[in-house]
Protein backbone atom coordinates (compact mmCIF):
# COMPACT_ATOMS: atom_id res chain seq x y z
CA MET A 1 66.84 -83.54 -82.06
CA PRO A 2 64.04 -85.34 -83.94
CA ARG A 3 61.34 -83.38 -85.74
CA TYR A 4 57.73 -84.47 -85.44
CA GLU A 5 54.86 -83.48 -87.72
CA PHE A 6 51.42 -82.70 -86.31
CA ARG A 7 48.00 -81.78 -87.72
CA CYS A 8 45.39 -79.75 -85.90
CA ARG A 9 42.00 -81.44 -85.92
CA GLU A 10 40.20 -78.13 -85.39
CA CYS A 11 41.70 -75.90 -88.12
CA GLY A 12 43.59 -78.43 -90.28
CA GLU A 13 47.00 -76.75 -89.94
CA THR A 14 50.01 -79.06 -90.40
CA PHE A 15 53.14 -78.10 -88.46
CA GLU A 16 56.44 -79.49 -87.16
CA ARG A 17 58.06 -79.42 -83.72
CA SER A 18 61.58 -80.36 -82.66
CA ARG A 19 61.62 -82.14 -79.33
CA PRO A 20 63.46 -84.92 -77.50
CA MET A 21 62.27 -88.47 -78.17
CA ALA A 22 61.17 -88.72 -74.53
CA GLU A 23 58.59 -85.99 -75.28
CA SER A 24 57.38 -87.38 -78.62
CA ALA A 25 53.94 -88.32 -77.26
CA GLU A 26 53.35 -84.97 -75.53
CA PRO A 27 50.56 -82.78 -76.97
CA ALA A 28 51.51 -79.89 -79.28
CA ALA A 29 49.32 -76.84 -79.85
CA CYS A 30 49.05 -75.36 -83.35
CA SER A 31 49.96 -71.73 -84.08
CA ARG A 32 46.34 -70.71 -83.40
CA GLY A 33 46.45 -72.25 -79.92
CA HIS A 34 44.30 -75.32 -80.56
CA ASP A 35 45.30 -78.31 -78.45
CA ASP A 36 43.36 -80.99 -80.38
CA THR A 37 46.26 -82.17 -82.55
CA VAL A 38 47.46 -85.53 -83.81
CA LYS A 39 51.04 -86.64 -84.48
CA LEU A 40 51.47 -87.74 -88.10
CA LEU A 41 53.47 -90.68 -89.33
CA SER A 42 56.28 -89.32 -91.47
CA THR A 43 58.26 -91.33 -93.95
CA VAL A 44 61.76 -90.71 -95.15
CA ALA A 45 62.76 -91.58 -98.70
CA VAL A 46 66.41 -92.12 -99.46
CA GLY A 47 67.42 -92.50 -103.06
CA GLY A 48 70.56 -93.04 -105.00
CA VAL A 49 72.97 -95.83 -105.67
CA ALA A 50 75.88 -96.66 -103.41
CA GLU A 51 78.90 -98.53 -104.66
CA ALA A 52 81.67 -100.00 -102.53
CA PRO A 53 85.09 -98.73 -103.49
CA ALA A 54 87.34 -101.35 -105.05
CA ALA A 55 90.33 -102.37 -102.95
CA PRO A 56 93.57 -102.05 -104.90
CA GLY A 57 95.68 -105.17 -105.18
CA GLY A 58 93.02 -107.85 -104.93
CA CYS A 59 91.00 -109.40 -102.17
CA CYS A 60 92.59 -107.70 -99.16
CA GLY A 61 94.74 -104.95 -100.52
CA GLY A 62 97.47 -107.28 -101.82
CA GLY A 63 99.06 -108.26 -98.53
CA CYS A 64 97.67 -111.73 -97.92
CA CYS A 65 96.87 -113.23 -101.30
CA GLY A 66 100.35 -114.55 -102.11
CA GLY A 67 101.56 -114.32 -105.55
């Protein structure tokens, strides 16, 4: 289930809620009960380097390259 981040406009609290995507636009009250909240745009950073494993035996595993 996706997690959404919200900020309360009244007290400034930032909080998260898990909810179905169909309910992503629904209001969310902060822990103090304030309903004047705004959904924040969250970004996800993915780092690292991915390398494709080398196939043994040449271009297709050695079965079709003749030789």
